Amino acid sequence: MDIVLLHPEIPHNTGAIGRLCVGLGWPLVLIRPLGFALDERHVRRAGLDYWPHLDLSLYDAFDDYLADRRPDALTFLSTKAARSLYDAPLTPRGALVFGCESSGLPPDYYARYADRLARIPMPGPHARSINLANAVAIAAYEAYRRFAPGLLQ
């Protein structure tokens, strides 16, 4: 499963997500523009010595990614989604797609991919969202739980 970050802005989030991807053996896909340089020390620090093992791809546009990788299905994570991540269909050769830290998904994606939006339930009344790296970890391990139940022991 691909983890796709659209226009990530915060280097240590991307570094932590890269480390998570190495742990799962999943690719990380970054869609430009990035809010940092990939050689920035915050990315390296968060990724630690895992970064050289990361299957990392960079694309100038999301449509370039789709044409090249051709994922079986897309699931877009957003606080604006009606459907819970836990009810969303996920496929092993699909992609989990996340927007940038400050503004989420590009505005046109809400209509373009309306049937593919999912949210992480947040019952607490005072938070709009959680940190991007945490959201990726929650969604990735939900997908992992579904596809590899024998490995979660």
N, C-alpha and C. Protein backbone atom coordinates (compact mmCIF):
# COMPACT_ATOMS: atom_id res chain seq x y z
N MET A 1 0.85 -1.18 0.00
CA MET A 1 0.00 0.00 0.00
C MET A 1 0.89 1.23 0.00
N ASP A 2 0.53 2.20 -0.83
CA ASP A 2 1.28 3.46 -0.86
C ASP A 2 0.75 4.42 0.19
N ILE A 3 1.65 5.14 0.81
CA ILE A 3 1.31 6.27 1.66
C ILE A 3 1.66 7.51 0.84
N VAL A 4 0.66 8.35 0.57
CA VAL A 4 0.84 9.51 -0.30
C VAL A 4 0.61 10.78 0.51
N LEU A 5 1.59 11.67 0.47
CA LEU A 5 1.48 12.97 1.13
C LEU A 5 1.42 14.04 0.06
N LEU A 6 0.32 14.79 0.04
CA LEU A 6 0.15 15.89 -0.90
C LEU A 6 0.70 17.17 -0.27
N HIS A 7 1.76 17.69 -0.81
CA HIS A 7 2.34 18.97 -0.41
C HIS A 7 2.68 19.05 1.08
N PRO A 8 3.41 18.06 1.61
CA PRO A 8 3.73 18.12 3.05
C PRO A 8 4.57 19.36 3.35
N GLU A 9 4.36 19.91 4.54
CA GLU A 9 4.99 21.18 4.92
C GLU A 9 6.01 21.04 6.05
N ILE A 10 5.86 20.05 6.90
CA ILE A 10 6.66 19.97 8.13
C ILE A 10 7.63 18.80 8.02
N PRO A 11 8.93 19.10 7.99
CA PRO A 11 9.91 18.04 7.72
C PRO A 11 9.92 16.89 8.72
N HIS A 12 9.76 17.20 10.01
CA HIS A 12 9.83 16.09 10.96
C HIS A 12 8.61 15.17 10.85
N ASN A 13 7.46 15.67 10.40
CA ASN A 13 6.33 14.77 10.13
C ASN A 13 6.69 13.81 9.00
N THR A 14 7.23 14.34 7.93
CA THR A 14 7.60 13.49 6.79
C THR A 14 8.67 12.48 7.19
N GLY A 15 9.63 12.90 7.99
CA GLY A 15 10.65 11.98 8.48
C GLY A 15 10.06 10.85 9.30
N ALA A 16 9.15 11.18 10.20
CA ALA A 16 8.51 10.16 11.03
C ALA A 16 7.66 9.22 10.18
N ILE A 17 6.98 9.76 9.19
CA ILE A 17 6.15 8.94 8.30
C ILE A 17 7.05 8.03 7.45
N GLY A 18 8.19 8.55 7.01
CA GLY A 18 9.14 7.71 6.29
C GLY A 18 9.62 6.54 7.13
N ARG A 19 9.90 6.80 8.38
CA ARG A 19 10.33 5.74 9.29
C ARG A 19 9.23 4.71 9.46
N LEU A 20 7.98 5.16 9.59
CA LEU A 20 6.84 4.25 9.68
C LEU A 20 6.75 3.38 8.42
N CYS A 21 6.92 4.00 7.25
CA CYS A 21 6.84 3.25 5.99
C CYS A 21 7.93 2.18 5.91
N VAL A 22 9.12 2.50 6.38
CA VAL A 22 10.19 1.50 6.40
C VAL A 22 9.77 0.33 7.30
N GLY A 23 9.20 0.64 8.45
CA GLY A 23 8.77 -0.41 9.37
C GLY A 23 7.70 -1.31 8.79
N LEU A 24 6.83 -0.76 7.97
CA LEU A 24 5.77 -1.56 7.34
C LEU A 24 6.21 -2.18 6.01
N GLY A 25 7.30 -1.67 5.45
CA GLY A 25 7.72 -2.13 4.14
C GLY A 25 6.87 -1.54 3.02
N TRP A 26 6.33 -0.35 3.24
CA TRP A 26 5.45 0.31 2.28
C TRP A 26 6.15 1.53 1.69
N PRO A 27 5.82 1.87 0.44
CA PRO A 27 6.40 3.06 -0.18
C PRO A 27 5.80 4.35 0.37
N LEU A 28 6.61 5.39 0.36
CA LEU A 28 6.15 6.74 0.67
C LEU A 28 6.22 7.55 -0.62
N VAL A 29 5.12 8.21 -0.94
CA VAL A 29 5.03 9.02 -2.14
C VAL A 29 4.81 10.46 -1.71
N LEU A 30 5.65 11.36 -2.19
CA LEU A 30 5.50 12.78 -1.90
C LEU A 30 5.13 13.51 -3.18
N ILE A 31 4.11 14.36 -3.07
CA ILE A 31 3.66 15.16 -4.21
C ILE A 31 4.10 16.60 -3.95
N ARG A 32 4.89 17.14 -4.87
CA ARG A 32 5.37 18.52 -4.76
C ARG A 32 4.23 19.51 -4.93
N PRO A 33 4.41 20.72 -4.40
CA PRO A 33 5.61 21.23 -3.73
C PRO A 33 5.72 20.72 -2.29
N LEU A 34 6.95 20.64 -1.84
CA LEU A 34 7.25 20.29 -0.45
C LEU A 34 7.59 21.57 0.29
N GLY A 35 7.27 21.60 1.56
CA GLY A 35 7.58 22.78 2.37
C GLY A 35 8.98 22.76 2.95
N PHE A 36 9.85 21.91 2.42
CA PHE A 36 11.20 21.72 2.95
C PHE A 36 12.02 20.98 1.91
N ALA A 37 13.31 20.93 2.13
CA ALA A 37 14.19 20.13 1.28
C ALA A 37 14.34 18.75 1.91
N LEU A 38 14.39 17.73 1.11
CA LEU A 38 14.48 16.37 1.64
C LEU A 38 15.78 16.10 2.39
N ASP A 39 16.79 16.91 2.16
CA ASP A 39 18.04 16.72 2.90
C ASP A 39 18.07 17.54 4.19
N GLU A 40 16.97 18.20 4.51
CA GLU A 40 16.91 19.02 5.72
C GLU A 40 17.15 18.14 6.96
N ARG A 41 17.84 18.68 7.92
CA ARG A 41 18.23 17.89 9.09
C ARG A 41 17.04 17.36 9.88
N HIS A 42 15.91 18.06 9.87
CA HIS A 42 14.73 17.59 10.61
C HIS A 42 14.17 16.31 9.99
N VAL A 43 14.22 16.21 8.68
CA VAL A 43 13.79 14.98 8.02
C VAL A 43 14.73 13.84 8.41
N ARG A 44 16.02 14.09 8.32
CA ARG A 44 17.01 13.07 8.66
C ARG A 44 16.89 12.65 10.12
N ARG A 45 16.70 13.62 11.00
CA ARG A 45 16.63 13.30 12.43
C ARG A 45 15.41 12.44 12.73
N ALA A 46 14.25 12.79 12.19
CA ALA A 46 13.04 12.02 12.45
C ALA A 46 13.10 10.65 11.80
N GLY A 47 13.74 10.57 10.64
CA GLY A 47 13.86 9.29 9.95
C GLY A 47 15.00 8.42 10.48
N LEU A 48 15.87 9.04 11.26
CA LEU A 48 17.05 8.38 11.82
C LEU A 48 17.80 7.61 10.74
N ASP A 49 18.30 6.45 11.08
CA ASP A 49 19.06 5.67 10.11
C ASP A 49 18.16 4.82 9.21
N TYR A 50 16.85 5.02 9.31
CA TYR A 50 15.91 4.29 8.46
C TYR A 50 15.80 4.90 7.07
N TRP A 51 16.06 6.19 6.94
CA TRP A 51 15.81 6.92 5.70
C TRP A 51 16.47 6.27 4.46
N PRO A 52 17.70 5.77 4.54
CA PRO A 52 18.29 5.13 3.35
C PRO A 52 17.52 3.89 2.87
N HIS A 53 16.70 3.30 3.74
CA HIS A 53 15.95 2.09 3.40
C HIS A 53 14.54 2.39 2.89
N LEU A 54 14.20 3.66 2.83
CA LEU A 54 12.85 4.07 2.44
C LEU A 54 12.66 3.96 0.94
N ASP A 55 11.55 3.37 0.54
CA ASP A 55 11.12 3.34 -0.87
C ASP A 55 10.38 4.66 -1.11
N LEU A 56 11.09 5.67 -1.56
CA LEU A 56 10.56 7.03 -1.69
C LEU A 56 10.40 7.40 -3.16
N SER A 57 9.23 7.96 -3.48
CA SER A 57 8.98 8.47 -4.83
C SER A 57 8.51 9.91 -4.72
N LEU A 58 8.93 10.73 -5.66
CA LEU A 58 8.53 12.14 -5.74
C LEU A 58 7.84 12.38 -7.08
N TYR A 59 6.74 13.12 -7.02
CA TYR A 59 6.00 13.48 -8.23
C TYR A 59 5.68 14.97 -8.19
N ASP A 60 5.60 15.56 -9.36
CA ASP A 60 5.23 16.97 -9.45
C ASP A 60 3.74 17.19 -9.32
N ALA A 61 2.94 16.17 -9.62
CA ALA A 61 1.48 16.30 -9.56
C ALA A 61 0.87 14.95 -9.18
N PHE A 62 -0.29 15.00 -8.54
CA PHE A 62 -0.98 13.79 -8.14
C PHE A 62 -1.36 12.95 -9.35
N ASP A 63 -1.78 13.59 -10.43
CA ASP A 63 -2.14 12.84 -11.64
C ASP A 63 -0.93 12.11 -12.22
N ASP A 64 0.27 12.65 -12.06
CA ASP A 64 1.49 11.95 -12.50
C ASP A 64 1.66 10.67 -11.69
N TYR A 65 1.43 10.76 -10.39
CA TYR A 65 1.49 9.58 -9.53
C TYR A 65 0.48 8.53 -9.99
N LEU A 66 -0.75 8.95 -10.22
CA LEU A 66 -1.79 8.00 -10.63
C LEU A 66 -1.42 7.30 -11.94
N ALA A 67 -0.92 8.05 -12.89
CA ALA A 67 -0.55 7.48 -14.18
C ALA A 67 0.61 6.50 -14.06
N ASP A 68 1.56 6.79 -13.17
CA ASP A 68 2.74 5.95 -13.03
C ASP A 68 2.48 4.72 -12.17
N ARG A 69 1.88 4.89 -11.00
CA ARG A 69 1.75 3.80 -10.03
C ARG A 69 0.45 3.01 -10.18
N ARG A 70 -0.59 3.64 -10.66
CA ARG A 70 -1.89 2.99 -10.90
C ARG A 70 -2.39 2.19 -9.69
N PRO A 71 -2.59 2.85 -8.56
CA PRO A 71 -3.09 2.12 -7.39
C PRO A 71 -4.49 1.56 -7.66
N ASP A 72 -4.80 0.42 -7.04
CA ASP A 72 -6.10 -0.22 -7.21
C ASP A 72 -7.24 0.62 -6.67
N ALA A 73 -6.99 1.33 -5.59
CA ALA A 73 -8.02 2.16 -4.95
C ALA A 73 -7.35 3.27 -4.17
N LEU A 74 -8.08 4.33 -3.95
CA LEU A 74 -7.59 5.48 -3.20
C LEU A 74 -8.50 5.72 -2.01
N THR A 75 -7.89 6.00 -0.87
CA THR A 75 -8.64 6.44 0.31
C THR A 75 -8.00 7.73 0.77
N PHE A 76 -8.79 8.80 0.80
CA PHE A 76 -8.33 10.12 1.20
C PHE A 76 -8.76 10.37 2.63
N LEU A 77 -7.81 10.69 3.49
CA LEU A 77 -8.11 10.97 4.88
C LEU A 77 -8.34 12.45 5.06
N SER A 78 -9.48 12.77 5.71
CA SER A 78 -9.84 14.16 5.92
C SER A 78 -10.76 14.28 7.13
N THR A 79 -10.58 15.35 7.88
CA THR A 79 -11.49 15.62 8.99
C THR A 79 -12.89 15.97 8.48
N LYS A 80 -13.02 16.30 7.19
CA LYS A 80 -14.31 16.69 6.62
C LYS A 80 -15.11 15.51 6.08
N ALA A 81 -14.58 14.33 6.16
CA ALA A 81 -15.27 13.14 5.64
C ALA A 81 -16.39 12.71 6.58
N ALA A 82 -17.43 12.14 6.02
CA ALA A 82 -18.54 11.61 6.81
C ALA A 82 -18.25 10.17 7.26
N ARG A 83 -17.61 9.40 6.42
CA ARG A 83 -17.37 7.98 6.71
C ARG A 83 -16.13 7.80 7.57
N SER A 84 -16.24 6.91 8.53
CA SER A 84 -15.11 6.56 9.38
C SER A 84 -14.09 5.73 8.62
N LEU A 85 -12.83 5.91 8.94
CA LEU A 85 -11.77 5.06 8.41
C LEU A 85 -12.10 3.59 8.63
N TYR A 86 -12.71 3.28 9.76
CA TYR A 86 -12.97 1.90 10.14
C TYR A 86 -14.10 1.27 9.33
N ASP A 87 -14.83 2.09 8.58
CA ASP A 87 -15.87 1.61 7.67
C ASP A 87 -15.47 1.76 6.21
N ALA A 88 -14.34 2.33 5.95
CA ALA A 88 -13.90 2.60 4.58
C ALA A 88 -13.33 1.34 3.94
N PRO A 89 -13.62 1.14 2.66
CA PRO A 89 -12.98 0.01 1.97
C PRO A 89 -11.51 0.34 1.71
N LEU A 90 -10.65 -0.61 2.00
CA LEU A 90 -9.22 -0.47 1.77
C LEU A 90 -8.75 -1.68 0.97
N THR A 91 -7.76 -1.50 0.12
CA THR A 91 -7.22 -2.61 -0.63
C THR A 91 -5.70 -2.65 -0.48
N PRO A 92 -5.12 -3.85 -0.47
CA PRO A 92 -3.68 -3.96 -0.25
C PRO A 92 -2.83 -3.23 -1.29
N ARG A 93 -3.29 -3.12 -2.51
CA ARG A 93 -2.52 -2.44 -3.55
C ARG A 93 -3.08 -1.04 -3.82
N GLY A 94 -3.70 -0.48 -2.80
CA GLY A 94 -4.26 0.86 -2.91
C GLY A 94 -3.32 1.90 -2.34
N ALA A 95 -3.91 3.06 -2.02
CA ALA A 95 -3.13 4.16 -1.47
C ALA A 95 -3.94 4.89 -0.41
N LEU A 96 -3.26 5.27 0.64
CA LEU A 96 -3.81 6.17 1.65
C LEU A 96 -3.24 7.54 1.34
N VAL A 97 -4.12 8.52 1.14
CA VAL A 97 -3.69 9.84 0.67
C VAL A 97 -4.01 10.88 1.75
N PHE A 98 -3.04 11.72 2.05
CA PHE A 98 -3.17 12.73 3.10
C PHE A 98 -2.82 14.11 2.54
N GLY A 99 -3.56 15.11 2.96
CA GLY A 99 -3.27 16.48 2.57
C GLY A 99 -2.20 17.09 3.45
N CYS A 100 -1.90 18.35 3.21
CA CYS A 100 -0.84 19.03 3.96
C CYS A 100 -1.32 19.40 5.37
N GLU A 101 -0.37 19.70 6.21
CA GLU A 101 -0.66 19.96 7.62
C GLU A 101 -1.54 21.17 7.84
N SER A 102 -1.36 22.23 7.09
CA SER A 102 -2.09 23.47 7.39
C SER A 102 -3.48 23.54 6.79
N SER A 103 -3.69 22.89 5.64
CA SER A 103 -5.01 23.05 5.00
C SER A 103 -5.63 21.76 4.50
N GLY A 104 -5.02 20.64 4.73
CA GLY A 104 -5.61 19.37 4.33
C GLY A 104 -5.51 19.12 2.83
N LEU A 105 -6.51 18.47 2.30
CA LEU A 105 -6.54 18.14 0.88
C LEU A 105 -6.82 19.38 0.04
N PRO A 106 -6.37 19.38 -1.21
CA PRO A 106 -6.73 20.48 -2.11
C PRO A 106 -8.26 20.59 -2.21
N PRO A 107 -8.81 21.80 -2.26
CA PRO A 107 -10.27 21.99 -2.22
C PRO A 107 -11.05 21.18 -3.25
N ASP A 108 -10.54 21.04 -4.47
CA ASP A 108 -11.29 20.31 -5.49
C ASP A 108 -11.35 18.81 -5.23
N TYR A 109 -10.52 18.28 -4.36
CA TYR A 109 -10.53 16.85 -4.08
C TYR A 109 -11.79 16.41 -3.34
N TYR A 110 -12.41 17.31 -2.59
CA TYR A 110 -13.60 16.94 -1.82
C TYR A 110 -14.75 16.55 -2.74
N ALA A 111 -14.88 17.19 -3.88
CA ALA A 111 -15.90 16.80 -4.86
C ALA A 111 -15.39 15.68 -5.76
N ARG A 112 -14.16 15.81 -6.21
CA ARG A 112 -13.57 14.85 -7.14
C ARG A 112 -13.51 13.44 -6.56
N TYR A 113 -13.24 13.32 -5.27
CA TYR A 113 -13.09 12.02 -4.62
C TYR A 113 -14.06 11.84 -3.46
N ALA A 114 -15.24 12.39 -3.56
CA ALA A 114 -16.21 12.39 -2.46
C ALA A 114 -16.50 10.98 -1.93
N ASP A 115 -16.56 10.01 -2.80
CA ASP A 115 -16.88 8.65 -2.39
C ASP A 115 -15.69 7.90 -1.80
N ARG A 116 -14.53 8.55 -1.75
CA ARG A 116 -13.32 7.90 -1.26
C ARG A 116 -12.75 8.57 -0.02
N LEU A 117 -13.51 9.48 0.58
CA LEU A 117 -13.06 10.19 1.77
C LEU A 117 -13.33 9.37 3.02
N ALA A 118 -12.42 9.44 3.97
CA ALA A 118 -12.59 8.78 5.26
C ALA A 118 -11.97 9.66 6.33
N ARG A 119 -12.47 9.53 7.54
CA ARG A 119 -11.94 10.32 8.66
C ARG A 119 -11.55 9.39 9.80
N ILE A 120 -10.66 9.85 10.61
CA ILE A 120 -10.33 9.16 11.85
C ILE A 120 -11.29 9.70 12.90
N PRO A 121 -12.09 8.84 13.53
CA PRO A 121 -13.05 9.34 14.52
C PRO A 121 -12.34 10.06 15.66
N MET A 122 -12.90 11.21 16.03
CA MET A 122 -12.35 12.00 17.13
C MET A 122 -13.50 12.40 18.04
N PRO A 123 -13.78 11.59 19.05
CA PRO A 123 -14.91 11.89 19.92
C PRO A 123 -14.69 13.08 20.85
N GLY A 124 -13.45 13.50 21.03
CA GLY A 124 -13.18 14.66 21.89
C GLY A 124 -13.74 15.93 21.26
N PRO A 125 -14.40 16.77 22.04
CA PRO A 125 -15.09 17.93 21.47
C PRO A 125 -14.18 19.13 21.15
N HIS A 126 -12.93 19.11 21.54
CA HIS A 126 -12.12 20.32 21.43
C HIS A 126 -10.98 20.25 20.41
N ALA A 127 -10.88 19.16 19.65
CA ALA A 127 -9.79 19.05 18.67
C ALA A 127 -10.37 18.95 17.27
N ARG A 128 -9.77 19.72 16.36
CA ARG A 128 -10.17 19.65 14.94
C ARG A 128 -9.50 18.48 14.24
N SER A 129 -8.26 18.23 14.61
CA SER A 129 -7.50 17.20 13.92
C SER A 129 -6.35 16.74 14.80
N ILE A 130 -5.64 15.73 14.31
CA ILE A 130 -4.44 15.27 15.02
C ILE A 130 -3.24 15.48 14.10
N ASN A 131 -2.08 15.35 14.65
CA ASN A 131 -0.83 15.51 13.91
C ASN A 131 -0.81 14.56 12.71
N LEU A 132 -0.28 15.04 11.59
CA LEU A 132 -0.25 14.26 10.36
C LEU A 132 0.46 12.92 10.54
N ALA A 133 1.61 12.90 11.19
CA ALA A 133 2.33 11.64 11.38
C ALA A 133 1.49 10.66 12.19
N ASN A 134 0.76 11.15 13.19
CA ASN A 134 -0.10 10.27 13.97
C ASN A 134 -1.26 9.75 13.13
N ALA A 135 -1.84 10.62 12.31
CA ALA A 135 -2.95 10.20 11.45
C ALA A 135 -2.50 9.13 10.46
N VAL A 136 -1.32 9.31 9.88
CA VAL A 136 -0.80 8.31 8.95
C VAL A 136 -0.60 6.98 9.68
N ALA A 137 -0.06 7.03 10.88
CA ALA A 137 0.18 5.80 11.64
C ALA A 137 -1.14 5.08 11.94
N ILE A 138 -2.15 5.82 12.34
CA ILE A 138 -3.44 5.20 12.64
C ILE A 138 -4.02 4.53 11.39
N ALA A 139 -4.05 5.26 10.29
CA ALA A 139 -4.63 4.73 9.05
C ALA A 139 -3.80 3.57 8.51
N ALA A 140 -2.50 3.69 8.54
CA ALA A 140 -1.64 2.63 8.01
C ALA A 140 -1.79 1.35 8.81
N TYR A 141 -1.85 1.46 10.11
CA TYR A 141 -1.97 0.25 10.91
C TYR A 141 -3.38 -0.33 10.88
N GLU A 142 -4.37 0.48 10.58
CA GLU A 142 -5.71 -0.08 10.34
C GLU A 142 -5.67 -0.91 9.06
N ALA A 143 -5.04 -0.39 8.01
CA ALA A 143 -4.91 -1.15 6.77
C ALA A 143 -4.08 -2.42 7.01
N TYR A 144 -2.99 -2.27 7.70
CA TYR A 144 -2.14 -3.43 8.00
C TYR A 144 -2.91 -4.49 8.78
N ARG A 145 -3.69 -4.05 9.75
CA ARG A 145 -4.49 -4.98 10.56
C ARG A 145 -5.43 -5.79 9.68
N ARG A 146 -6.02 -5.13 8.70
CA ARG A 146 -6.96 -5.82 7.81
C ARG A 146 -6.28 -6.82 6.88
N PHE A 147 -5.09 -6.49 6.40
CA PHE A 147 -4.45 -7.30 5.37
C PHE A 147 -3.49 -8.34 5.91
N ALA A 148 -3.01 -8.17 7.11
CA ALA A 148 -2.01 -9.09 7.64
C ALA A 148 -2.32 -9.49 9.07
N PRO A 149 -3.53 -10.00 9.32
CA PRO A 149 -3.90 -10.31 10.72
C PRO A 149 -2.99 -11.33 11.38
N GLY A 150 -2.43 -12.26 10.64
CA GLY A 150 -1.54 -13.25 11.23
C GLY A 150 -0.21 -12.67 11.69
N LEU A 151 0.12 -11.49 11.19
CA LEU A 151 1.39 -10.87 11.55
C LEU A 151 1.29 -10.00 12.81
N LEU A 152 0.09 -9.72 13.27
CA LEU A 152 -0.09 -8.85 14.43
C LEU A 152 -0.18 -9.70 15.69
N GLN A 153 0.93 -10.17 16.15
CA GLN A 153 0.93 -11.00 17.35
C GLN A 153 2.02 -10.56 18.30
